[in-house]
Every structure is written in C-alpha cells, then in structure tokens.
C-alpha atoms as a PDB file:
ATOM      1  CA  MET A   1      -0.164   0.236   0.453  1.00  0.00           C
ATOM      2  CA  ASP A   2       1.396   3.146  -0.951  1.00  0.00           C
ATOM      3  CA  LEU A   3       0.111   5.624   2.207  1.00  0.00           C
ATOM      4  CA  GLN A   4       0.649   8.457   0.203  1.00  0.00           C
ATOM      5  CA  LYS A   5      -2.109   7.727  -1.776  1.00  0.00           C
ATOM      6  CA  ALA A   6      -3.887   7.247   2.107  1.00  0.00           C
ATOM      7  CA  GLU A   7      -7.570   9.519   2.133  1.00  0.00           C
ATOM      8  CA  LEU A   8      -6.286  11.315   5.376  1.00  0.00           C
ATOM      9  CA  LEU A   9      -3.155  12.311   4.060  1.00  0.00           C
ATOM     10  CA  ARG A  10      -4.753  13.730   0.117  1.00  0.00           C
ATOM     11  CA  GLY A  11      -3.586  16.783  -0.788  1.00  0.00           C
ATOM     12  CA  LEU A  12      -0.786  16.930   2.077  1.00  0.00           C
ATOM     13  CA  SER A  13       2.302  19.114   0.577  1.00  0.00           C
ATOM     14  CA  ARG A  14       4.956  16.029  -0.047  1.00  0.00           C
ATOM     15  CA  ASP A  15       7.480  17.334   2.590  1.00  0.00           C
ATOM     16  CA  CYS A  16       4.213  17.079   5.089  1.00  0.00           C
ATOM     17  CA  VAL A  17       3.673  13.086   3.787  1.00  0.00           C
ATOM     18  CA  THR A  18       7.149  12.235   3.905  1.00  0.00           C
ATOM     19  CA  ALA A  19       7.659  13.709   7.199  1.00  0.00           C
ATOM     20  CA  ILE A  20       4.431  11.271   8.395  1.00  0.00           C
ATOM     21  CA  LEU A  21       5.924   8.294   6.938  1.00  0.00           C
ATOM     22  CA  ASP A  22       9.046   8.934   8.629  1.00  0.00           C
ATOM     23  CA  ILE A  23       7.795   8.422  11.790  1.00  0.00           C
ATOM     24  CA  ALA A  24       5.697   5.538  10.667  1.00  0.00           C
ATOM     25  CA  VAL A  25       6.777   2.344  12.317  1.00  0.00           C
ATOM     26  CA  GLN A  26       5.534  -0.706  10.625  1.00  0.00           C
ATOM     27  CA  GLU A  27       4.114  -3.712  13.047  1.00  0.00           C
ATOM     28  CA  SER A  28       2.299  -7.045  11.960  1.00  0.00           C
ATOM     29  CA  HIS A  29       0.102  -8.924  13.717  1.00  0.00           C
ATOM     30  CA  GLY A  30      -1.680 -12.113  14.348  1.00  0.00           C
ATOM     31  CA  GLU A  31      -5.391 -12.484  14.422  1.00  0.00           C
ATOM     32  CA  GLY A  32      -6.883 -11.703  17.747  1.00  0.00           C
ATOM     33  CA  THR A  33      -4.264  -9.098  18.821  1.00  0.00           C
ATOM     34  CA  CYS A  34      -5.998  -6.145  20.425  1.00  0.00           C
ATOM     35  CA  LEU A  35      -4.227  -2.960  19.138  1.00  0.00           C
ATOM     36  CA  PHE A  36      -5.967  -1.305  21.946  1.00  0.00           C
ATOM     37  CA  PHE A  37      -8.728  -1.338  24.814  1.00  0.00           C
ATOM     38  CA  ARG A  38     -11.421   1.099  24.750  1.00  0.00           C
ATOM     39  CA  GLY A  39      -9.982   3.188  27.932  1.00  0.00           C
ATOM     40  CA  ASP A  40      -6.490   3.136  27.005  1.00  0.00           C
ATOM     41  CA  PRO A  41      -4.419   5.969  26.393  1.00  0.00           C
ATOM     42  CA  ALA A  42      -4.762   7.187  22.818  1.00  0.00           C
ATOM     43  CA  GLY A  43      -1.178   7.965  22.126  1.00  0.00           C
ATOM     44  CA  HIS A  44      -1.097   6.401  18.598  1.00  0.00           C
ATOM     45  CA  PHE A  45      -3.135   5.814  15.293  1.00  0.00           C
ATOM     46  CA  TYR A  46      -2.787   3.600  12.673  1.00  0.00           C
ATOM     47  CA  PHE A  47      -2.958   3.047   9.035  1.00  0.00           C
ATOM     48  CA  LEU A  48      -4.049  -0.376   7.783  1.00  0.00           C
ATOM     49  CA  LEU A  49      -1.576  -1.321   5.194  1.00  0.00           C
ATOM     50  CA  VAL A  50      -2.902  -5.189   4.524  1.00  0.00           C
ATOM     51  CA  GLY A  51      -5.434  -7.074   6.651  1.00  0.00           C
ATOM     52  CA  ARG A  52      -8.864  -6.368   8.804  1.00  0.00           C
ATOM     53  CA  VAL A  53      -9.367  -4.920  12.201  1.00  0.00           C
ATOM     54  CA  LYS A  54     -12.485  -5.112  13.654  1.00  0.00           C
ATOM     55  CA  LEU A  55     -13.844  -1.862  15.812  1.00  0.00           C
ATOM     56  CA  HIS A  56     -15.590  -2.876  19.338  1.00  0.00           C
ATOM     57  CA  LEU A  57     -17.236  -1.391  22.177  1.00  0.00           C
ATOM     58  CA  GLY A  58     -15.557  -2.517  25.253  1.00  0.00           C
ATOM     59  CA  GLU A  59     -17.614  -5.388  27.295  1.00  0.00           C
ATOM     60  CA  THR A  60     -20.380  -5.273  25.171  1.00  0.00           C
ATOM     61  CA  GLY A  61     -18.416  -6.139  22.266  1.00  0.00           C
ATOM     62  CA  LYS A  62     -20.685  -4.280  19.684  1.00  0.00           C
ATOM     63  CA  VAL A  63     -18.483  -4.039  16.491  1.00  0.00           C
ATOM     64  CA  VAL A  64     -18.943  -0.844  15.456  1.00  0.00           C
ATOM     65  CA  HIS A  65     -16.923  -0.527  12.664  1.00  0.00           C
ATOM     66  CA  HIS A  66     -14.527  -3.054  10.234  1.00  0.00           C
ATOM     67  CA  VAL A  67     -11.388  -1.568   9.145  1.00  0.00           C
ATOM     68  CA  THR A  68     -10.739  -2.897   6.135  1.00  0.00           C
ATOM     69  CA  ARG A  69      -8.849  -0.932   2.787  1.00  0.00           C
ATOM     70  CA  PRO A  70      -5.801  -0.470   2.629  1.00  0.00           C
ATOM     71  CA  GLY A  71      -4.960   3.382   4.236  1.00  0.00           C
ATOM     72  CA  GLU A  72      -7.914   3.607   6.332  1.00  0.00           C
ATOM     73  CA  ILE A  73      -6.766   4.418   9.364  1.00  0.00           C
ATOM     74  CA  ILE A  74      -7.654   2.645  13.311  1.00  0.00           C
ATOM     75  CA  GLY A  75      -7.010   4.880  16.503  1.00  0.00           C
ATOM     76  CA  TRP A  76      -8.443   8.268  15.471  1.00  0.00           C
ATOM     77  CA  SER A  77      -9.392   9.648  18.950  1.00  0.00           C
ATOM     78  CA  GLY A  78      -5.870  11.018  20.094  1.00  0.00           C
ATOM     79  CA  LEU A  79      -6.159  13.130  16.611  1.00  0.00           C
ATOM     80  CA  VAL A  80      -9.023  15.210  17.890  1.00  0.00           C
ATOM     81  CA  GLY A  81      -7.669  15.273  21.092  1.00  0.00           C
ATOM     82  CA  ARG A  82      -9.199  12.797  22.751  1.00  0.00           C
ATOM     83  CA  GLU A  83      -6.930  11.288  26.162  1.00  0.00           C
ATOM     84  CA  ALA A  84      -7.958   7.845  25.557  1.00  0.00           C
ATOM     85  CA  TYR A  85      -9.687   5.298  22.676  1.00  0.00           C
ATOM     86  CA  THR A  86     -13.191   5.078  22.405  1.00  0.00           C
ATOM     87  CA  ALA A  87     -13.439   1.501  21.267  1.00  0.00           C
ATOM     88  CA  SER A  88     -11.558  -0.977  21.039  1.00  0.00           C
ATOM     89  CA  ALA A  89      -9.420  -2.922  17.901  1.00  0.00           C
ATOM     90  CA  GLU A  90      -8.524  -6.490  17.667  1.00  0.00           C
ATOM     91  CA  CYS A  91      -7.433  -7.790  14.614  1.00  0.00           C
ATOM     92  CA  THR A  92      -9.326 -10.405  12.431  1.00  0.00           C
ATOM     93  CA  MET A  93      -6.761 -11.865  10.555  1.00  0.00           C
ATOM     94  CA  ALA A  94      -2.773 -11.310  10.144  1.00  0.00           C
ATOM     95  CA  THR A  95      -2.143  -7.585  10.048  1.00  0.00           C
ATOM     96  CA  GLU A  96      -0.104  -5.058   8.776  1.00  0.00           C
ATOM     97  CA  LEU A  97      -0.412  -1.244  10.116  1.00  0.00           C
ATOM     98  CA  HIS A  98       1.843   1.717   9.943  1.00  0.00           C
ATOM     99  CA  LYS A  99       1.409   3.520  13.593  1.00  0.00           C
ATOM    100  CA  ILE A 100       2.613   7.045  14.583  1.00  0.00           C
ATOM    101  CA  GLU A 101       2.745   8.461  17.347  1.00  0.00           C
ATOM    102  CA  ILE A 102      -0.045  11.609  18.334  1.00  0.00           C
ATOM    103  CA  GLY A 103       2.588  13.448  19.582  1.00  0.00           C
ATOM    104  CA  LYS A 104       5.441  13.478  16.837  1.00  0.00           C
ATOM    105  CA  LEU A 105       2.668  13.777  14.210  1.00  0.00           C
ATOM    106  CA  ARG A 106       1.514  16.895  15.961  1.00  0.00           C
ATOM    107  CA  LYS A 107       4.718  18.129  15.819  1.00  0.00           C
ATOM    108  CA  ILE A 108       4.811  17.805  12.177  1.00  0.00           C
ATOM    109  CA  ILE A 109       1.356  19.273  12.060  1.00  0.00           C
ATOM    110  CA  ARG A 110       2.280  22.472  13.746  1.00  0.00           C
ATOM    111  CA  GLU A 111       5.266  23.439  11.496  1.00  0.00           C
ATOM    112  CA  ASN A 112       2.872  23.139   8.294  1.00  0.00           C
ATOM    113  CA  PRO A 113      -0.437  24.970   9.209  1.00  0.00           C
ATOM    114  CA  VAL A 114      -1.981  24.867   5.662  1.00  0.00           C
ATOM    115  CA  ASP A 115      -1.545  21.209   5.890  1.00  0.00           C
ATOM    116  CA  ALA A 116      -2.839  20.591   9.176  1.00  0.00           C
ATOM    117  CA  PHE A 117      -5.872  22.834   7.874  1.00  0.00           C
ATOM    118  CA  VAL A 118      -6.061  19.756   4.764  1.00  0.00           C
ATOM    119  CA  PHE A 119      -5.414  16.879   7.581  1.00  0.00           C
ATOM    120  CA  PHE A 120      -8.466  17.964   9.731  1.00  0.00           C
ATOM    121  CA  GLU A 121     -10.666  18.586   6.538  1.00  0.00           C
ATOM    122  CA  ASN A 122      -9.845  14.884   5.719  1.00  0.00           C
ATOM    123  CA  LEU A 123     -10.040  13.627   9.166  1.00  0.00           C
ATOM    124  CA  SER A 124     -13.307  15.321   9.516  1.00  0.00           C
ATOM    125  CA  ARG A 125     -14.983  13.814   6.380  1.00  0.00           C
ATOM    126  CA  ILE A 126     -13.461  10.171   7.126  1.00  0.00           C
ATOM    127  CA  LEU A 127     -15.433  10.465  10.456  1.00  0.00           C
ATOM    128  CA  GLY A 128     -18.410  12.169   8.682  1.00  0.00           C
ATOM    129  CA  ASP A 129     -18.459   8.766   6.564  1.00  0.00           C
ATOM    130  CA  ARG A 130     -18.048   6.757   9.690  1.00  0.00           C
ATOM    131  CA  LEU A 131     -20.473   8.570  11.306  1.00  0.00           C
ATOM    132  CA  LEU A 132     -23.330   7.972   8.126  1.00  0.00           C
ATOM    133  CA  GLN A 133     -22.225   4.475   8.132  1.00  0.00           C
ATOM    134  CA  SER A 134     -23.034   4.367  12.197  1.00  0.00           C
ATOM    135  CA  TYR A 135     -26.642   5.783  11.057  1.00  0.00           C
ATOM    136  CA  SER A 136     -27.402   3.439   8.503  1.00  0.00           C
ATOM    137  CA  GLN A 137     -26.706   0.559  10.523  1.00  0.00           C
ATOM    138  CA  TYR A 138     -29.298   1.827  13.483  1.00  0.00           C
ATOM    139  CA  GLU A 139     -31.707   2.493  11.218  1.00  0.00           C
ATOM    140  CA  LYS A 140     -31.537  -1.162  10.031  1.00  0.00           C
ATOM    141  CA  VAL A 141     -31.620  -2.627  12.713  1.00  0.00           C
ATOM    142  CA  PHE A 142     -34.625  -0.251  13.856  1.00  0.00           C
ATOM    143  CA  VAL A 143     -36.557  -1.053  10.800  1.00  0.00           C
ATOM    144  CA  THR A 144     -36.065  -5.396  11.262  1.00  0.00           C
ATOM    145  CA  SER A 145     -36.959  -4.483  15.447  1.00  0.00           C
ATOM    146  CA  ASN A 146     -40.165  -2.913  14.139  1.00  0.00           C
ATOM    147  CA  LEU A 147     -41.236  -5.325  11.730  1.00  0.00           C
ATOM    148  CA  ILE A 148     -41.123  -8.258  14.043  1.00  0.00           C
END
C-alpha cells in the first residue's frame, strides 16, 4: 500500500507526507491481537496496510466498524484531543499496519499550518462517513426490529 494515497494524507504537501511517513513504524499482528482497548491512553493511530481490524465497544462487544481498506485509519481518538480510545481494536486476521505516535504527528502538523487544515478537513470527512455508516446500520436494526 502506498500510504501517500491514503485518504487522510490526500492533498498534503509532499514534505508533510514524507515527514509523517518518516515517523511511521510498520507492525505485523496475528489474528486476535488487540491493538488497544477502549479507555486505554490514545497515544497512537494506525494506517491499515493489509488485513482486517474490528472496532468494538468494550464489554458489550458491539462491533461499530470493520477496517478493511488499505490506508484506512484506526485509533483516531488522539487526533481529535481525546485522551483515551473510544473503542477497542482487534485484528481479525493477520494484519500489517503503520503506527504513528500522536505527539510526533502534532509537531509535524504545527509546523505546517496549511497542511494541518487539509489534514483535519480529511479527518472530518472520514469521521463523518463513519458516522453516516453507523446511522445506516442503526436504521437497519431499528426498521428490522419494528417489523417483527
């Protein structure tokens, strides 16, 4: 996966993308590995390279999203100022990721205000799409439960 084509990085300057990729650490995880649990400190986020990650809510296990597309992000909580992850992330097959430390990313973003605007505009679009997907899933459950 060429992360320069990842939706979150789309439209950023070449220098900014290079700086972000320079702080990325590639990781490989087996099926069943938890990247983080809901409530853990949100110090990193991830780009999916290969594999599949299930995002679920703590003890209930309610799945809120499946990350399946290369370049998709996982663990965005720290990007928006949350101190803890809002969901748990579990690999559902062998998975490769790029892990990025939030503190290092913030430094890069602060040094590039134009890129910062584009970055957070991209992030807003990604989170908005996930919210709409959640609405759609909720609506299906609600309609189905009312038909019974």
